[in-house]
C-alpha atoms as a PDB file:
ATOM      1  CA  UNK A   1      42.158  59.608 -20.196  1.00  0.00           C
ATOM      2  CA  UNK A   2      38.700  59.071 -22.008  1.00  0.00           C
ATOM      3  CA  UNK A   3      37.570  56.521 -24.564  1.00  0.00           C
ATOM      4  CA  UNK A   4      38.409  53.725 -21.902  1.00  0.00           C
ATOM      5  CA  UNK A   5      35.641  50.750 -22.153  1.00  0.00           C
ATOM      6  CA  UNK A   6      35.964  47.397 -19.979  1.00  0.00           C
ATOM      7  CA  UNK A   7      38.525  46.380 -17.479  1.00  0.00           C
ATOM      8  CA  UNK A   8      41.397  43.782 -18.896  1.00  0.00           C
ATOM      9  CA  UNK A   9      42.618  41.161 -16.788  1.00  0.00           C
ATOM     10  CA  UNK A  10      46.391  41.834 -16.516  1.00  0.00           C
ATOM     11  CA  UNK A  11      48.518  44.981 -16.267  1.00  0.00           C
ATOM     12  CA  UNK A  12      50.009  45.912 -20.117  1.00  0.00           C
ATOM     13  CA  UNK A  13      52.680  47.917 -19.638  1.00  0.00           C
ATOM     14  CA  UNK A  14      52.349  48.975 -23.607  1.00  0.00           C
ATOM     15  CA  UNK A  15      48.849  50.046 -23.101  1.00  0.00           C
ATOM     16  CA  UNK A  16      49.147  51.974 -20.026  1.00  0.00           C
ATOM     17  CA  UNK A  17      51.846  54.295 -21.875  1.00  0.00           C
ATOM     18  CA  UNK A  18      50.595  57.408 -23.814  1.00  0.00           C
ATOM     19  CA  UNK A  19      51.518  57.944 -27.074  1.00  0.00           C
ATOM     20  CA  UNK A  20      54.992  58.952 -27.825  1.00  0.00           C
ATOM     21  CA  UNK A  21      54.511  62.536 -29.178  1.00  0.00           C
ATOM     22  CA  UNK A  22      57.534  65.161 -29.761  1.00  0.00           C
ATOM     23  CA  UNK A  23      59.390  67.145 -27.248  1.00  0.00           C
ATOM     24  CA  UNK A  24      62.422  69.226 -26.746  1.00  0.00           C
ATOM     25  CA  UNK A  25      62.693  67.658 -23.516  1.00  0.00           C
ATOM     26  CA  UNK A  26      65.210  64.441 -22.731  1.00  0.00           C
ATOM     27  CA  UNK A  27      63.315  61.619 -22.824  1.00  0.00           C
ATOM     28  CA  UNK A  28      63.746  61.046 -18.994  1.00  0.00           C
ATOM     29  CA  UNK A  29      60.082  60.152 -18.513  1.00  0.00           C
ATOM     30  CA  UNK A  30      59.947  57.314 -20.268  1.00  0.00           C
ATOM     31  CA  UNK A  31      63.449  55.922 -19.844  1.00  0.00           C
ATOM     32  CA  UNK A  32      63.269  56.546 -16.057  1.00  0.00           C
ATOM     33  CA  UNK A  33      60.429  57.863 -14.472  1.00  0.00           C
ATOM     34  CA  UNK A  34      57.759  55.326 -16.534  1.00  0.00           C
ATOM     35  CA  UNK A  35      59.385  52.182 -15.921  1.00  0.00           C
ATOM     36  CA  UNK A  36      59.522  52.843 -11.915  1.00  0.00           C
ATOM     37  CA  UNK A  37      55.735  54.187 -12.022  1.00  0.00           C
ATOM     38  CA  UNK A  38      55.219  50.914 -14.193  1.00  0.00           C
ATOM     39  CA  UNK A  39      56.152  49.073 -11.208  1.00  0.00           C
ATOM     40  CA  UNK A  40      53.922  50.891  -8.567  1.00  0.00           C
ATOM     41  CA  UNK A  41      51.071  50.127 -11.268  1.00  0.00           C
ATOM     42  CA  UNK A  42      51.739  46.996 -11.494  1.00  0.00           C
ATOM     43  CA  UNK A  43      51.392  46.512  -7.594  1.00  0.00           C
ATOM     44  CA  UNK A  44      48.409  48.598  -7.846  1.00  0.00           C
ATOM     45  CA  UNK A  45      46.766  46.512  -9.853  1.00  0.00           C
ATOM     46  CA  UNK A  46      47.332  43.253  -8.161  1.00  0.00           C
ATOM     47  CA  UNK A  47      45.958  44.828  -5.200  1.00  0.00           C
ATOM     48  CA  UNK A  48      43.236  45.857  -7.121  1.00  0.00           C
ATOM     49  CA  UNK A  49      43.515  49.465  -6.381  1.00  0.00           C
ATOM     50  CA  UNK A  50      41.154  52.241  -8.143  1.00  0.00           C
ATOM     51  CA  UNK A  51      43.331  54.963 -10.472  1.00  0.00           C
ATOM     52  CA  UNK A  52      42.116  57.505  -8.243  1.00  0.00           C
ATOM     53  CA  UNK A  53      43.210  56.024  -4.743  1.00  0.00           C
ATOM     54  CA  UNK A  54      46.816  56.577  -6.126  1.00  0.00           C
ATOM     55  CA  UNK A  55      46.197  59.989  -7.066  1.00  0.00           C
ATOM     56  CA  UNK A  56      45.016  60.863  -3.530  1.00  0.00           C
ATOM     57  CA  UNK A  57      48.134  58.676  -2.151  1.00  0.00           C
ATOM     58  CA  UNK A  58      50.489  60.663  -4.748  1.00  0.00           C
ATOM     59  CA  UNK A  59      49.056  64.025  -3.280  1.00  0.00           C
ATOM     60  CA  UNK A  60      49.681  62.920   0.553  1.00  0.00           C
ATOM     61  CA  UNK A  61      52.786  62.048  -0.152  1.00  0.00           C
ATOM     62  CA  UNK A  62      53.706  65.257  -1.969  1.00  0.00           C
ATOM     63  CA  UNK A  63      52.517  67.202   1.058  1.00  0.00           C
ATOM     64  CA  UNK A  64      54.789  64.983   3.203  1.00  0.00           C
ATOM     65  CA  UNK A  65      57.638  66.062   0.739  1.00  0.00           C
ATOM     66  CA  UNK A  66      56.408  69.572   0.753  1.00  0.00           C
ATOM     67  CA  UNK A  67      57.304  70.053   4.699  1.00  0.00           C
ATOM     68  CA  UNK A  68      60.667  68.415   4.794  1.00  0.00           C
ATOM     69  CA  UNK A  69      61.630  70.992   2.904  1.00  0.00           C
ATOM     70  CA  UNK A  70      61.063  73.263   5.551  1.00  0.00           C
ATOM     71  CA  UNK A  71      63.831  71.625   7.617  1.00  0.00           C
ATOM     72  CA  UNK A  72      66.136  73.988   5.805  1.00  0.00           C
ATOM     73  CA  UNK A  73      69.384  72.101   5.399  1.00  0.00           C
ATOM     74  CA  UNK A  74      71.149  69.483   3.042  1.00  0.00           C
ATOM     75  CA  UNK A  75      70.243  66.437   5.241  1.00  0.00           C
ATOM     76  CA  UNK A  76      66.302  67.968   4.873  1.00  0.00           C
ATOM     77  CA  UNK A  77      66.103  68.774   1.176  1.00  0.00           C
ATOM     78  CA  UNK A  78      67.712  65.196   0.019  1.00  0.00           C
ATOM     79  CA  UNK A  79      64.816  63.561   1.982  1.00  0.00           C
ATOM     80  CA  UNK A  80      62.365  66.318   0.666  1.00  0.00           C
ATOM     81  CA  UNK A  81      63.310  65.541  -2.992  1.00  0.00           C
ATOM     82  CA  UNK A  82      63.093  61.892  -2.735  1.00  0.00           C
ATOM     83  CA  UNK A  83      59.964  61.806  -1.397  1.00  0.00           C
ATOM     84  CA  UNK A  84      58.313  64.310  -3.592  1.00  0.00           C
ATOM     85  CA  UNK A  85      60.234  62.017  -6.404  1.00  0.00           C
ATOM     86  CA  UNK A  86      58.402  58.954  -5.254  1.00  0.00           C
ATOM     87  CA  UNK A  87      55.050  61.312  -5.457  1.00  0.00           C
ATOM     88  CA  UNK A  88      55.418  62.308  -8.766  1.00  0.00           C
ATOM     89  CA  UNK A  89      56.085  58.360  -9.455  1.00  0.00           C
ATOM     90  CA  UNK A  90      52.503  57.634  -7.776  1.00  0.00           C
ATOM     91  CA  UNK A  91      51.133  60.334 -10.058  1.00  0.00           C
ATOM     92  CA  UNK A  92      52.475  59.005 -13.168  1.00  0.00           C
ATOM     93  CA  UNK A  93      51.072  55.482 -11.963  1.00  0.00           C
ATOM     94  CA  UNK A  94      47.405  56.769 -11.710  1.00  0.00           C
ATOM     95  CA  UNK A  95      47.229  57.436 -15.212  1.00  0.00           C
ATOM     96  CA  UNK A  96      48.956  54.223 -16.331  1.00  0.00           C
ATOM     97  CA  UNK A  97      46.867  52.121 -14.008  1.00  0.00           C
ATOM     98  CA  UNK A  98      43.880  53.664 -15.596  1.00  0.00           C
ATOM     99  CA  UNK A  99      44.898  53.026 -19.201  1.00  0.00           C
ATOM    100  CA  UNK A 100      45.573  49.651 -18.528  1.00  0.00           C
ATOM    101  CA  UNK A 101      42.615  48.739 -16.451  1.00  0.00           C
ATOM    102  CA  UNK A 102      40.208  50.715 -18.970  1.00  0.00           C
ATOM    103  CA  UNK A 103      39.241  52.620 -16.151  1.00  0.00           C
ATOM    104  CA  UNK A 104      39.953  56.074 -17.532  1.00  0.00           C
ATOM    105  CA  UNK A 105      37.439  58.741 -16.457  1.00  0.00           C
ATOM    106  CA  UNK A 106      36.712  62.438 -17.075  1.00  0.00           C
ATOM    107  CA  UNK A 107      36.836  63.228 -13.063  1.00  0.00           C
ATOM    108  CA  UNK A 108      39.907  61.321 -12.824  1.00  0.00           C
ATOM    109  CA  UNK A 109      41.693  63.305 -15.329  1.00  0.00           C
ATOM    110  CA  UNK A 110      40.460  66.655 -13.349  1.00  0.00           C
ATOM    111  CA  UNK A 111      41.239  65.140  -9.880  1.00  0.00           C
ATOM    112  CA  UNK A 112      44.860  64.287 -11.184  1.00  0.00           C
ATOM    113  CA  UNK A 113      44.876  67.812 -12.245  1.00  0.00           C
ATOM    114  CA  UNK A 114      43.873  69.562  -9.529  1.00  0.00           C
ATOM    115  CA  UNK A 115      46.005  67.963  -7.131  1.00  0.00           C
ATOM    116  CA  UNK A 116      48.948  68.025  -8.984  1.00  0.00           C
ATOM    117  CA  UNK A 117      48.665  71.541  -9.081  1.00  0.00           C
ATOM    118  CA  UNK A 118      48.476  72.337  -5.456  1.00  0.00           C
ATOM    119  CA  UNK A 119      51.355  69.557  -5.108  1.00  0.00           C
ATOM    120  CA  UNK A 120      53.227  72.021  -7.344  1.00  0.00           C
ATOM    121  CA  UNK A 121      52.217  75.541  -5.381  1.00  0.00           C
ATOM    122  CA  UNK A 122      53.192  73.379  -2.018  1.00  0.00           C
ATOM    123  CA  UNK A 123      56.446  72.143  -2.781  1.00  0.00           C
ATOM    124  CA  UNK A 124      57.701  74.856  -4.453  1.00  0.00           C
ATOM    125  CA  UNK A 125      56.607  77.192  -1.759  1.00  0.00           C
ATOM    126  CA  UNK A 126      58.064  75.162   0.952  1.00  0.00           C
ATOM    127  CA  UNK A 127      61.075  74.870  -1.557  1.00  0.00           C
ATOM    128  CA  UNK A 128      61.621  78.416  -1.155  1.00  0.00           C
ATOM    129  CA  UNK A 129      60.861  79.077   2.540  1.00  0.00           C
ATOM    130  CA  UNK A 130      63.460  76.407   3.092  1.00  0.00           C
ATOM    131  CA  UNK A 131      66.163  77.891   0.959  1.00  0.00           C
ATOM    132  CA  UNK A 132      65.534  80.991   2.787  1.00  0.00           C
ATOM    133  CA  UNK A 133      66.236  79.427   6.218  1.00  0.00           C
ATOM    134  CA  UNK A 134      69.321  77.782   4.926  1.00  0.00           C
ATOM    135  CA  UNK A 135      70.629  80.955   3.306  1.00  0.00           C
ATOM    136  CA  UNK A 136      68.878  84.006   5.412  1.00  0.00           C
ATOM    137  CA  UNK A 137      68.938  85.839   2.129  1.00  0.00           C
ATOM    138  CA  UNK A 138      65.559  87.708   1.952  1.00  0.00           C
ATOM    139  CA  UNK A 139      65.999  89.598  -1.423  1.00  0.00           C
ATOM    140  CA  UNK A 140      66.018  86.369  -3.102  1.00  0.00           C
ATOM    141  CA  UNK A 141      63.389  85.083  -0.901  1.00  0.00           C
ATOM    142  CA  UNK A 142      61.304  87.774  -2.293  1.00  0.00           C
ATOM    143  CA  UNK A 143      61.984  87.133  -5.983  1.00  0.00           C
ATOM    144  CA  UNK A 144      61.079  83.391  -5.268  1.00  0.00           C
ATOM    145  CA  UNK A 145      58.049  84.588  -3.878  1.00  0.00           C
ATOM    146  CA  UNK A 146      57.327  86.429  -7.364  1.00  0.00           C
ATOM    147  CA  UNK A 147      58.906  83.803  -9.497  1.00  0.00           C
ATOM    148  CA  UNK A 148      56.129  81.293  -7.722  1.00  0.00           C
ATOM    149  CA  UNK A 149      52.981  83.740  -8.644  1.00  0.00           C
ATOM    150  CA  UNK A 150      54.341  84.022 -12.320  1.00  0.00           C
ATOM    151  CA  UNK A 151      55.093  79.731 -12.502  1.00  0.00           C
ATOM    152  CA  UNK A 152      51.724  79.643 -11.797  1.00  0.00           C
ATOM    153  CA  UNK A 153      50.069  82.158 -13.888  1.00  0.00           C
ATOM    154  CA  UNK A 154      51.718  80.344 -16.613  1.00  0.00           C
ATOM    155  CA  UNK A 155      50.367  77.297 -15.837  1.00  0.00           C
ATOM    156  CA  UNK A 156      46.945  78.843 -15.746  1.00  0.00           C
ATOM    157  CA  UNK A 157      47.444  80.284 -19.158  1.00  0.00           C
ATOM    158  CA  UNK A 158      48.380  77.126 -20.346  1.00  0.00           C
ATOM    159  CA  UNK A 159      45.247  75.723 -19.378  1.00  0.00           C
ATOM    160  CA  UNK A 160      42.994  78.441 -20.355  1.00  0.00           C
ATOM    161  CA  UNK A 161      44.556  78.292 -23.637  1.00  0.00           C
ATOM    162  CA  UNK A 162      43.349  74.530 -23.990  1.00  0.00           C
ATOM    163  CA  UNK A 163      40.232  75.428 -23.107  1.00  0.00           C
ATOM    164  CA  UNK A 164      40.181  78.504 -25.772  1.00  0.00           C
ATOM    165  CA  UNK A 165      41.252  75.798 -28.749  1.00  0.00           C
ATOM    166  CA  UNK A 166      38.685  73.317 -27.460  1.00  0.00           C
ATOM    167  CA  UNK A 167      41.695  70.702 -26.635  1.00  0.00           C
ATOM    168  CA  UNK A 168      40.305  67.900 -24.557  1.00  0.00           C
ATOM    169  CA  UNK A 169      42.468  65.238 -24.861  1.00  0.00           C
ATOM    170  CA  UNK A 170      45.853  65.228 -22.841  1.00  0.00           C
ATOM    171  CA  UNK A 171      48.610  65.714 -25.087  1.00  0.00           C
ATOM    172  CA  UNK A 172      50.938  64.048 -22.270  1.00  0.00           C
ATOM    173  CA  UNK A 173      53.039  67.398 -22.359  1.00  0.00           C
ATOM    174  CA  UNK A 174      51.717  68.139 -18.801  1.00  0.00           C
ATOM    175  CA  UNK A 175      53.046  64.723 -17.708  1.00  0.00           C
ATOM    176  CA  UNK A 176      56.567  65.151 -19.116  1.00  0.00           C
ATOM    177  CA  UNK A 177      57.373  68.458 -18.014  1.00  0.00           C
ATOM    178  CA  UNK A 178      56.483  67.765 -14.470  1.00  0.00           C
ATOM    179  CA  UNK A 179      58.702  64.608 -14.765  1.00  0.00           C
ATOM    180  CA  UNK A 180      61.634  66.559 -15.963  1.00  0.00           C
ATOM    181  CA  UNK A 181      60.810  69.097 -13.064  1.00  0.00           C
ATOM    182  CA  UNK A 182      60.970  66.842 -10.157  1.00  0.00           C
ATOM    183  CA  UNK A 183      63.809  65.134 -11.423  1.00  0.00           C
ATOM    184  CA  UNK A 184      65.580  68.430 -11.580  1.00  0.00           C
ATOM    185  CA  UNK A 185      64.331  68.547  -7.786  1.00  0.00           C
ATOM    186  CA  UNK A 186      66.181  65.614  -7.204  1.00  0.00           C
ATOM    187  CA  UNK A 187      69.361  66.027  -8.668  1.00  0.00           C
ATOM    188  CA  UNK A 188      69.670  70.016  -7.215  1.00  0.00           C
ATOM    189  CA  UNK A 189      68.887  68.935  -3.830  1.00  0.00           C
ATOM    190  CA  UNK A 190      71.415  65.871  -3.814  1.00  0.00           C
ATOM    191  CA  UNK A 191      74.356  68.455  -5.059  1.00  0.00           C
ATOM    192  CA  UNK A 192      73.084  70.730  -2.405  1.00  0.00           C
ATOM    193  CA  UNK A 193      72.273  73.656  -5.047  1.00  0.00           C
ATOM    194  CA  UNK A 194      68.332  74.305  -4.279  1.00  0.00           C
ATOM    195  CA  UNK A 195      69.001  78.206  -4.889  1.00  0.00           C
ATOM    196  CA  UNK A 196      70.689  77.530  -8.389  1.00  0.00           C
ATOM    197  CA  UNK A 197      67.576  75.488  -8.822  1.00  0.00           C
ATOM    198  CA  UNK A 198      65.062  78.533  -7.697  1.00  0.00           C
ATOM    199  CA  UNK A 199      67.506  80.976  -9.908  1.00  0.00           C
ATOM    200  CA  UNK A 200      66.559  78.828 -12.936  1.00  0.00           C
ATOM    201  CA  UNK A 201      62.890  78.955 -12.054  1.00  0.00           C
ATOM    202  CA  UNK A 202      63.096  82.536 -11.441  1.00  0.00           C
ATOM    203  CA  UNK A 203      64.375  83.001 -15.368  1.00  0.00           C
ATOM    204  CA  UNK A 204      62.199  80.204 -17.219  1.00  0.00           C
ATOM    205  CA  UNK A 205      58.426  81.607 -16.680  1.00  0.00           C
ATOM    206  CA  UNK A 206      58.644  85.366 -17.935  1.00  0.00           C
ATOM    207  CA  UNK A 207      59.761  84.816 -21.157  1.00  0.00           C
ATOM    208  CA  UNK A 208      57.413  81.379 -21.661  1.00  0.00           C
ATOM    209  CA  UNK A 209      54.652  83.937 -19.969  1.00  0.00           C
ATOM    210  CA  UNK A 210      55.654  86.712 -22.854  1.00  0.00           C
ATOM    211  CA  UNK A 211      55.681  83.779 -25.980  1.00  0.00           C
ATOM    212  CA  UNK A 212      52.175  82.679 -24.679  1.00  0.00           C
ATOM    213  CA  UNK A 213      50.539  85.804 -24.937  1.00  0.00           C
ATOM    214  CA  UNK A 214      52.115  86.605 -28.405  1.00  0.00           C
ATOM    215  CA  UNK A 215      51.392  83.245 -29.718  1.00  0.00           C
ATOM    216  CA  UNK A 216      47.588  83.304 -28.258  1.00  0.00           C
ATOM    217  CA  UNK A 217      47.161  87.121 -29.561  1.00  0.00           C
ATOM    218  CA  UNK A 218      49.171  86.929 -32.991  1.00  0.00           C
ATOM    219  CA  UNK A 219      50.177  83.752 -34.228  1.00  0.00           C
ATOM    220  CA  UNK A 220      47.596  80.965 -33.387  1.00  0.00           C
ATOM    221  CA  UNK A 221      44.438  83.100 -32.707  1.00  0.00           C
ATOM    222  CA  UNK A 222      41.638  80.648 -34.213  1.00  0.00           C
ATOM    223  CA  UNK A 223      38.709  81.479 -36.554  1.00  0.00           C
ATOM    224  CA  UNK A 224      35.988  83.303 -34.818  1.00  0.00           C
ATOM    225  CA  UNK A 225      32.930  81.243 -34.908  1.00  0.00           C
ATOM    226  CA  UNK A 226      29.957  83.093 -35.967  1.00  0.00           C
ATOM    227  CA  UNK A 227      26.930  83.190 -33.680  1.00  0.00           C
ATOM    228  CA  UNK A 228      23.796  81.752 -34.187  1.00  0.00           C
ATOM    229  CA  UNK A 229      20.868  83.842 -36.317  1.00  0.00           C
ATOM    230  CA  UNK A 230      18.841  85.007 -34.152  1.00  0.00           C
ATOM    231  CA  UNK A 231      15.046  86.943 -35.143  1.00  0.00           C
ATOM    232  CA  UNK A 232      14.531  90.755 -33.641  1.00  0.00           C
END
């Protein structure tokens, strides 16, 4: 969300979107999530809200959704998944509002990422705990906690890779994956298969973590920049 200049008078949906990118994921984010998020961004534009206001609102709504997962039953899972999906829509709307109003900032971009990671941790942790309350399977609960650690470890490596390769501008991949993730939470909650969703999350992070390590060490290792010459 860099290189923005003066505020524009009207909400511009085209300007609010990130440039299209190649992705192996279904285009859920652009087909479903972004049009819905645009409704929030358009309303926020008329109310003269700042993008950071939407970021904080998204965070608060996400915490409320996480707490609902602790109910440990199908009804609470449905309510929780709807709430966290709304949180994800607000999360998409903040960037859309910033781009449309030309109010992008480095601070806003990092605030968004910080609060997103906290929200994801709380939602997943509460989801795992709620599933345990529903099923009582302690072994699966422990495995899911391990999966939560691995999931956030591979997320940490993603950001470390970006820093190592000097990537500053956001490609949009994080938003696409996050939008896809919360649509999945909603669908699996509606069909009362949260355990299956968590099982998938257990499987995916491990190969992704291995791939990141191999790519970092062998495949996409950048050339080292020699240090500046110093006199003895």
